PDB file of N, CA and C in Angstrom:
ATOM      1  N   MET A   1      78.917  15.526 307.774  1.00  0.00           N
ATOM      2  CA  MET A   1      79.996  15.518 308.731  1.00  0.00           C
ATOM      3  C   MET A   1      80.050  14.130 309.370  1.00  0.00           C
ATOM      4  N   THR A   2      81.222  13.625 309.526  1.00  0.00           N
ATOM      5  CA  THR A   2      81.388  12.307 310.145  1.00  0.00           C
ATOM      6  C   THR A   2      81.340  12.427 311.667  1.00  0.00           C
ATOM      7  N   GLN A   3      81.189  11.295 312.319  1.00  0.00           N
ATOM      8  CA  GLN A   3      81.225  11.279 313.775  1.00  0.00           C
ATOM      9  C   GLN A   3      82.581  11.757 314.274  1.00  0.00           C
ATOM     10  N   ASP A   4      83.623  11.364 313.589  1.00  0.00           N
ATOM     11  CA  ASP A   4      84.975  11.796 313.979  1.00  0.00           C
ATOM     12  C   ASP A   4      85.111  13.310 313.900  1.00  0.00           C
ATOM     13  N   GLN A   5      84.621  13.891 312.815  1.00  0.00           N
ATOM     14  CA  GLN A   5      84.712  15.344 312.647  1.00  0.00           C
ATOM     15  C   GLN A   5      83.895  16.075 313.708  1.00  0.00           C
ATOM     16  N   LEU A   6      82.687  15.589 313.958  1.00  0.00           N
ATOM     17  CA  LEU A   6      81.839  16.221 314.968  1.00  0.00           C
ATOM     18  C   LEU A   6      82.470  16.089 316.349  1.00  0.00           C
ATOM     19  N   ALA A   7      82.966  14.921 316.658  1.00  0.00           N
ATOM     20  CA  ALA A   7      83.605  14.699 317.958  1.00  0.00           C
ATOM     21  C   ALA A   7      84.774  15.653 318.147  1.00  0.00           C
ATOM     22  N   GLU A   8      85.566  15.836 317.107  1.00  0.00           N
ATOM     23  CA  GLU A   8      86.712  16.745 317.196  1.00  0.00           C
ATOM     24  C   GLU A   8      86.256  18.172 317.440  1.00  0.00           C
ATOM     25  N   ARG A   9      85.217  18.599 316.750  1.00  0.00           N
ATOM     26  CA  ARG A   9      84.707  19.969 316.930  1.00  0.00           C
ATOM     27  C   ARG A   9      84.162  20.204 318.334  1.00  0.00           C
ATOM     28  N   VAL A  10      83.553  19.160 318.900  1.00  0.00           N
ATOM     29  CA  VAL A  10      82.899  19.295 320.200  1.00  0.00           C
ATOM     30  C   VAL A  10      83.849  18.993 321.350  1.00  0.00           C
ATOM     31  N   GLY A  11      84.908  18.243 321.070  1.00  0.00           N
ATOM     32  CA  GLY A  11      85.857  17.906 322.116  1.00  0.00           C
ATOM     33  C   GLY A  11      85.512  16.657 322.888  1.00  0.00           C
ATOM     34  N   VAL A  12      84.875  15.708 322.206  1.00  0.00           N
ATOM     35  CA  VAL A  12      84.553  14.412 322.808  1.00  0.00           C
ATOM     36  C   VAL A  12      85.098  13.322 321.887  1.00  0.00           C
ATOM     37  N   THR A  13      84.930  12.080 322.295  1.00  0.00           N
ATOM     38  CA  THR A  13      85.396  10.981 321.457  1.00  0.00           C
ATOM     39  C   THR A  13      84.330  10.620 320.423  1.00  0.00           C
ATOM     40  N   PRO A  14      84.734  10.031 319.320  1.00  0.00           N
ATOM     41  CA  PRO A  14      83.748   9.539 318.356  1.00  0.00           C
ATOM     42  C   PRO A  14      82.795   8.523 318.983  1.00  0.00           C
ATOM     43  N   GLY A  15      83.308   7.757 319.940  1.00  0.00           N
ATOM     44  CA  GLY A  15      82.453   6.798 320.647  1.00  0.00           C
ATOM     45  C   GLY A  15      81.315   7.478 321.382  1.00  0.00           C
ATOM     46  N   THR A  16      81.596   8.644 321.956  1.00  0.00           N
ATOM     47  CA  THR A  16      80.545   9.394 322.640  1.00  0.00           C
ATOM     48  C   THR A  16      79.469   9.812 321.653  1.00  0.00           C
ATOM     49  N   ILE A  17      79.871  10.278 320.487  1.00  0.00           N
ATOM     50  CA  ILE A  17      78.895  10.676 319.470  1.00  0.00           C
ATOM     51  C   ILE A  17      78.065   9.466 319.046  1.00  0.00           C
ATOM     52  N   SER A  18      78.713   8.351 318.834  1.00  0.00           N
ATOM     53  CA  SER A  18      78.021   7.126 318.451  1.00  0.00           C
ATOM     54  C   SER A  18      77.005   6.712 319.512  1.00  0.00           C
ATOM     55  N   GLN A  19      77.423   6.754 320.759  1.00  0.00           N
ATOM     56  CA  GLN A  19      76.528   6.356 321.850  1.00  0.00           C
ATOM     57  C   GLN A  19      75.351   7.317 321.991  1.00  0.00           C
ATOM     58  N   LEU A  20      75.567   8.593 321.739  1.00  0.00           N
ATOM     59  CA  LEU A  20      74.464   9.557 321.754  1.00  0.00           C
ATOM     60  C   LEU A  20      73.461   9.245 320.645  1.00  0.00           C
ATOM     61  N   GLU A  21      73.993   8.976 319.459  1.00  0.00           N
ATOM     62  CA  GLU A  21      73.129   8.701 318.313  1.00  0.00           C
ATOM     63  C   GLU A  21      72.282   7.451 318.513  1.00  0.00           C
ATOM     64  N   THR A  22      72.830   6.467 319.169  1.00  0.00           N
ATOM     65  CA  THR A  22      72.099   5.210 319.356  1.00  0.00           C
ATOM     66  C   THR A  22      71.296   5.171 320.654  1.00  0.00           C
ATOM     67  N   GLY A  23      71.402   6.223 321.462  1.00  0.00           N
ATOM     68  CA  GLY A  23      70.638   6.292 322.699  1.00  0.00           C
ATOM     69  C   GLY A  23      71.234   5.493 323.838  1.00  0.00           C
ATOM     70  N   ARG A  24      72.475   5.075 323.708  1.00  0.00           N
ATOM     71  CA  ARG A  24      73.107   4.313 324.796  1.00  0.00           C
ATOM     72  C   ARG A  24      73.534   5.203 325.948  1.00  0.00           C
ATOM     73  N   ILE A  25      73.744   6.486 325.676  1.00  0.00           N
ATOM     74  CA  ILE A  25      74.010   7.451 326.744  1.00  0.00           C
ATOM     75  C   ILE A  25      73.105   8.653 326.530  1.00  0.00           C
ATOM     76  N   ASN A  26      72.841   9.349 327.597  1.00  0.00           N
ATOM     77  CA  ASN A  26      72.018  10.557 327.526  1.00  0.00           C
ATOM     78  C   ASN A  26      72.909  11.777 327.355  1.00  0.00           C
ATOM     79  N   TYR A  27      72.324  12.817 326.825  1.00  0.00           N
ATOM     80  CA  TYR A  27      73.059  14.063 326.669  1.00  0.00           C
ATOM     81  C   TYR A  27      72.921  14.893 327.943  1.00  0.00           C
ATOM     82  N   ARG A  28      73.823  15.803 328.112  1.00  0.00           N
ATOM     83  CA  ARG A  28      73.736  16.836 329.150  1.00  0.00           C
ATOM     84  C   ARG A  28      73.692  18.170 328.410  1.00  0.00           C
ATOM     85  N   GLN A  29      73.113  19.151 329.043  1.00  0.00           N
ATOM     86  CA  GLN A  29      72.892  20.444 328.394  1.00  0.00           C
ATOM     87  C   GLN A  29      74.160  21.057 327.785  1.00  0.00           C
ATOM     88  N   PRO A  30      75.282  21.065 328.490  1.00  0.00           N
ATOM     89  CA  PRO A  30      76.481  21.650 327.874  1.00  0.00           C
ATOM     90  C   PRO A  30      76.897  20.935 326.582  1.00  0.00           C
ATOM     91  N   LEU A  31      76.777  19.611 326.563  1.00  0.00           N
ATOM     92  CA  LEU A  31      77.121  18.868 325.357  1.00  0.00           C
ATOM     93  C   LEU A  31      76.125  19.162 324.243  1.00  0.00           C
ATOM     94  N   LEU A  32      74.851  19.226 324.587  1.00  0.00           N
ATOM     95  CA  LEU A  32      73.833  19.562 323.590  1.00  0.00           C
ATOM     96  C   LEU A  32      74.116  20.923 322.968  1.00  0.00           C
ATOM     97  N   GLU A  33      74.475  21.890 323.784  1.00  0.00           N
ATOM     98  CA  GLU A  33      74.783  23.228 323.279  1.00  0.00           C
ATOM     99  C   GLU A  33      76.041  23.224 322.419  1.00  0.00           C
ATOM    100  N   ALA A  34      77.043  22.441 322.806  1.00  0.00           N
ATOM    101  CA  ALA A  34      78.265  22.341 322.003  1.00  0.00           C
ATOM    102  C   ALA A  34      77.983  21.672 320.661  1.00  0.00           C
ATOM    103  N   LEU A  35      77.141  20.644 320.670  1.00  0.00           N
ATOM    104  CA  LEU A  35      76.756  19.989 319.418  1.00  0.00           C
ATOM    105  C   LEU A  35      76.012  20.953 318.507  1.00  0.00           C
ATOM    106  N   ALA A  36      75.086  21.704 319.080  1.00  0.00           N
ATOM    107  CA  ALA A  36      74.327  22.669 318.279  1.00  0.00           C
ATOM    108  C   ALA A  36      75.253  23.718 317.675  1.00  0.00           C
ATOM    109  N   ASP A  37      76.198  24.173 318.451  1.00  0.00           N
ATOM    110  CA  ASP A  37      77.159  25.149 317.940  1.00  0.00           C
ATOM    111  C   ASP A  37      77.969  24.554 316.795  1.00  0.00           C
ATOM    112  N   ALA A  38      78.435  23.339 316.963  1.00  0.00           N
ATOM    113  CA  ALA A  38      79.231  22.682 315.923  1.00  0.00           C
ATOM    114  C   ALA A  38      78.414  22.414 314.667  1.00  0.00           C
ATOM    115  N   LEU A  39      77.120  22.148 314.842  1.00  0.00           N
ATOM    116  CA  LEU A  39      76.251  21.847 313.710  1.00  0.00           C
ATOM    117  C   LEU A  39      75.533  23.083 313.167  1.00  0.00           C
ATOM    118  N   GLN A  40      75.809  24.219 313.779  1.00  0.00           N
ATOM    119  CA  GLN A  40      75.220  25.504 313.372  1.00  0.00           C
ATOM    120  C   GLN A  40      73.689  25.445 313.363  1.00  0.00           C
ATOM    121  N   CYS A  41      73.156  25.027 314.509  1.00  0.00           N
ATOM    122  CA  CYS A  41      71.705  24.973 314.665  1.00  0.00           C
ATOM    123  C   CYS A  41      71.375  25.300 316.118  1.00  0.00           C
ATOM    124  N   ARG A  42      70.118  25.212 316.464  1.00  0.00           N
ATOM    125  CA  ARG A  42      69.680  25.421 317.840  1.00  0.00           C
ATOM    126  C   ARG A  42      69.649  24.080 318.568  1.00  0.00           C
ATOM    127  N   PRO A  43      69.859  24.072 319.872  1.00  0.00           N
ATOM    128  CA  PRO A  43      69.810  22.800 320.603  1.00  0.00           C
ATOM    129  C   PRO A  43      68.506  22.029 320.371  1.00  0.00           C
ATOM    130  N   GLY A  44      67.407  22.736 320.325  1.00  0.00           N
ATOM    131  CA  GLY A  44      66.121  22.074 320.100  1.00  0.00           C
ATOM    132  C   GLY A  44      66.034  21.377 318.760  1.00  0.00           C
ATOM    133  N   ASP A  45      66.743  21.889 317.771  1.00  0.00           N
ATOM    134  CA  ASP A  45      66.734  21.254 316.458  1.00  0.00           C
ATOM    135  C   ASP A  45      67.297  19.838 316.525  1.00  0.00           C
ATOM    136  N   ILE A  46      68.274  19.645 317.357  1.00  0.00           N
ATOM    137  CA  ILE A  46      68.891  18.321 317.497  1.00  0.00           C
ATOM    138  C   ILE A  46      67.890  17.338 318.090  1.00  0.00           C
ATOM    139  N   LEU A  47      67.070  17.819 318.990  1.00  0.00           N
ATOM    140  CA  LEU A  47      66.121  16.944 319.673  1.00  0.00           C
ATOM    141  C   LEU A  47      64.830  16.737 318.891  1.00  0.00           C
ATOM    142  N   ASN A  48      64.431  17.721 318.093  1.00  0.00           N
ATOM    143  CA  ASN A  48      63.110  17.685 317.473  1.00  0.00           C
ATOM    144  C   ASN A  48      63.077  17.460 315.976  1.00  0.00           C
ATOM    145  N   VAL A  49      64.180  17.602 315.297  1.00  0.00           N
ATOM    146  CA  VAL A  49      64.174  17.582 313.846  1.00  0.00           C
ATOM    147  C   VAL A  49      64.957  16.393 313.315  1.00  0.00           C
ATOM    148  N   ASP A  50      64.329  15.654 312.407  1.00  0.00           N
ATOM    149  CA  ASP A  50      65.015  14.564 311.720  1.00  0.00           C
ATOM    150  C   ASP A  50      65.428  15.083 310.346  1.00  0.00           C
ATOM    151  N   PRO A  51      66.697  15.407 310.157  1.00  0.00           N
ATOM    152  CA  PRO A  51      67.129  16.010 308.902  1.00  0.00           C
ATOM    153  C   PRO A  51      67.036  15.088 307.701  1.00  0.00           C
ATOM    154  N   THR A  52      66.742  13.812 307.921  1.00  0.00           N
ATOM    155  CA  THR A  52      66.617  12.891 306.802  1.00  0.00           C
ATOM    156  C   THR A  52      65.231  12.922 306.173  1.00  0.00           C
ATOM    157  N   GLN A  53      64.287  13.631 306.781  1.00  0.00           N
ATOM    158  CA  GLN A  53      62.923  13.716 306.258  1.00  0.00           C
ATOM    159  C   GLN A  53      62.745  15.019 305.495  1.00  0.00           C
ATOM    160  N   ASP A  54      63.033  14.975 304.188  1.00  0.00           N
ATOM    161  CA  ASP A  54      62.943  16.169 303.359  1.00  0.00           C
ATOM    162  C   ASP A  54      61.523  16.692 303.215  1.00  0.00           C
ATOM    163  N   ASP A  55      60.517  15.836 303.380  1.00  0.00           N
ATOM    164  CA  ASP A  55      59.143  16.266 303.183  1.00  0.00           C
ATOM    165  C   ASP A  55      58.457  16.685 304.486  1.00  0.00           C
ATOM    166  N   ALA A  56      59.210  16.787 305.558  1.00  0.00           N
ATOM    167  CA  ALA A  56      58.639  17.169 306.848  1.00  0.00           C
ATOM    168  C   ALA A  56      58.369  18.676 306.893  1.00  0.00           C
ATOM    169  N   ILE A  57      57.434  19.068 307.719  1.00  0.00           N
ATOM    170  CA  ILE A  57      56.996  20.465 307.790  1.00  0.00           C
ATOM    171  C   ILE A  57      58.134  21.414 308.123  1.00  0.00           C
ATOM    172  N   TRP A  58      59.056  20.993 308.993  1.00  0.00           N
ATOM    173  CA  TRP A  58      60.146  21.904 309.367  1.00  0.00           C
ATOM    174  C   TRP A  58      61.072  22.191 308.192  1.00  0.00           C
ATOM    175  N   SER A  59      61.148  21.267 307.236  1.00  0.00           N
ATOM    176  CA  SER A  59      61.972  21.523 306.056  1.00  0.00           C
ATOM    177  C   SER A  59      61.429  22.708 305.275  1.00  0.00           C
ATOM    178  N   LEU A  60      60.124  22.793 305.181  1.00  0.00           N
ATOM    179  CA  LEU A  60      59.492  23.935 304.525  1.00  0.00           C
ATOM    180  C   LEU A  60      59.579  25.187 305.394  1.00  0.00           C
ATOM    181  N   TRP A  61      59.294  25.026 306.672  1.00  0.00           N
ATOM    182  CA  TRP A  61      59.276  26.151 307.600  1.00  0.00           C
ATOM    183  C   TRP A  61      60.592  26.919 307.574  1.00  0.00           C
ATOM    184  N   GLU A  62      61.690  26.200 307.549  1.00  0.00           N
ATOM    185  CA  GLU A  62      63.009  26.831 307.586  1.00  0.00           C
ATOM    186  C   GLU A  62      63.287  27.684 306.351  1.00  0.00           C
ATOM    187  N   THR A  63      62.554  27.444 305.260  1.00  0.00           N
ATOM    188  CA  THR A  63      62.781  28.209 304.025  1.00  0.00           C
ATOM    189  C   THR A  63      61.913  29.454 303.936  1.00  0.00           C
ATOM    190  N   LEU A  64      60.971  29.622 304.869  1.00  0.00           N
ATOM    191  CA  LEU A  64      60.032  30.739 304.805  1.00  0.00           C
ATOM    192  C   LEU A  64      60.602  32.020 305.393  1.00  0.00           C
ATOM    193  N   GLU A  65      60.219  33.127 304.792  1.00  0.00           N
ATOM    194  CA  GLU A  65      60.537  34.447 305.332  1.00  0.00           C
ATOM    195  C   GLU A  65      59.617  34.708 306.524  1.00  0.00           C
ATOM    196  N   PRO A  66      59.948  35.656 307.402  1.00  0.00           N
ATOM    197  CA  PRO A  66      59.106  35.923 308.573  1.00  0.00           C
ATOM    198  C   PRO A  66      57.631  36.177 308.239  1.00  0.00           C
ATOM    199  N   ALA A  67      57.354  36.933 307.213  1.00  0.00           N
ATOM    200  CA  ALA A  67      55.955  37.207 306.840  1.00  0.00           C
ATOM    201  C   ALA A  67      55.257  35.927 306.393  1.00  0.00           C
ATOM    202  N   GLN A  68      55.973  35.081 305.679  1.00  0.00           N
ATOM    203  CA  GLN A  68      55.394  33.813 305.238  1.00  0.00           C
ATOM    204  C   GLN A  68      55.148  32.890 306.421  1.00  0.00           C
ATOM    205  N   ARG A  69      56.022  32.928 307.412  1.00  0.00           N
ATOM    206  CA  ARG A  69      55.827  32.107 308.608  1.00  0.00           C
ATOM    207  C   ARG A  69      54.572  32.544 309.360  1.00  0.00           C
ATOM    208  N   ARG A  70      54.377  33.853 309.464  1.00  0.00           N
ATOM    209  CA  ARG A  70      53.165  34.354 310.142  1.00  0.00           C
ATOM    210  C   ARG A  70      51.923  33.884 309.402  1.00  0.00           C
ATOM    211  N   GLN A  71      51.952  33.968 308.082  1.00  0.00           N
ATOM    212  CA  GLN A  71      50.809  33.542 307.287  1.00  0.00           C
ATOM    213  C   GLN A  71      50.575  32.032 307.440  1.00  0.00           C
ATOM    214  N   ALA A  72      51.630  31.247 307.390  1.00  0.00           N
ATOM    215  CA  ALA A  72      51.503  29.798 307.544  1.00  0.00           C
ATOM    216  C   ALA A  72      50.943  29.455 308.922  1.00  0.00           C
ATOM    217  N   PHE A  73      51.403  30.161 309.934  1.00  0.00           N
ATOM    218  CA  PHE A  73      50.907  29.922 311.289  1.00  0.00           C
ATOM    219  C   PHE A  73      49.410  30.212 311.368  1.00  0.00           C
ATOM    220  N   GLN A  74      48.978  31.294 310.746  1.00  0.00           N
ATOM    221  CA  GLN A  74      47.554  31.643 310.738  1.00  0.00           C
ATOM    222  C   GLN A  74      46.723  30.567 310.042  1.00  0.00           C
ATOM    223  N   ILE A  75      47.252  30.030 308.962  1.00  0.00           N
ATOM    224  CA  ILE A  75      46.542  28.963 308.245  1.00  0.00           C
ATOM    225  C   ILE A  75      46.430  27.723 309.124  1.00  0.00           C
ATOM    226  N   ILE A  76      47.505  27.365 309.783  1.00  0.00           N
ATOM    227  CA  ILE A  76      47.486  26.200 310.669  1.00  0.00           C
ATOM    228  C   ILE A  76      46.514  26.424 311.824  1.00  0.00           C
ATOM    229  N   GLU A  77      46.506  27.623 312.380  1.00  0.00           N
ATOM    230  CA  GLU A  77      45.550  27.945 313.448  1.00  0.00           C
ATOM    231  C   GLU A  77      44.122  27.782 312.961  1.00  0.00           C
ATOM    232  N   THR A  78      43.853  28.193 311.732  1.00  0.00           N
ATOM    233  CA  THR A  78      42.507  28.062 311.160  1.00  0.00           C
ATOM    234  C   THR A  78      42.133  26.590 311.046  1.00  0.00           C
ATOM    235  N   PHE A  79      43.036  25.750 310.563  1.00  0.00           N
ATOM    236  CA  PHE A  79      42.763  24.317 310.491  1.00  0.00           C
ATOM    237  C   PHE A  79      42.451  23.754 311.869  1.00  0.00           C
ATOM    238  N   LYS A  80      43.224  24.194 312.847  1.00  0.00           N
ATOM    239  CA  LYS A  80      43.034  23.708 314.218  1.00  0.00           C
ATOM    240  C   LYS A  80      41.659  24.093 314.751  1.00  0.00           C
ATOM    241  N   LYS A  81      41.250  25.336 314.499  1.00  0.00           N
ATOM    242  CA  LYS A  81      39.973  25.839 315.019  1.00  0.00           C
ATOM    243  C   LYS A  81      38.771  25.199 314.313  1.00  0.00           C
ATOM    244  N   THR A  82      38.902  24.970 313.002  1.00  0.00           N
ATOM    245  CA  THR A  82      37.760  24.475 312.233  1.00  0.00           C
ATOM    246  C   THR A  82      37.718  22.969 312.113  1.00  0.00           C
ATOM    247  N   GLY A  83      38.845  22.328 312.423  1.00  0.00           N
ATOM    248  CA  GLY A  83      38.892  20.879 312.283  1.00  0.00           C
ATOM    249  C   GLY A  83      38.951  20.443 310.830  1.00  0.00           C
ATOM    250  N   SER A  84      39.390  21.346 309.943  1.00  0.00           N
ATOM    251  CA  SER A  84      39.458  21.030 308.524  1.00  0.00           C
ATOM    252  C   SER A  84      40.477  19.947 308.255  1.00  0.00           C
ATOM    253  N   ASP A  85      40.237  19.171 307.216  1.00  0.00           N
ATOM    254  CA  ASP A  85      41.177  18.115 306.832  1.00  0.00           C
ATOM    255  C   ASP A  85      42.170  18.636 305.836  1.00  0.00           C
TER     256      ASP A  85
END
């Protein structure tokens, strides 16, 4: 999606989207929620996830079924407790 398309969906100018992306302006909660709605994600995803990193853990996490997520979480907890590499 282009900045123009996103701006139109959210009801802001493309310049606002550009300034958000480059950190020249800060977001406010209503805008963050509108962006998340337009991008079909959660507000936290915008702040925490870099969609350009295909090999990042969240890329895998998003593909897991609930039972697989529970199992993965247990494995990570085990690594944390044991200090395994």
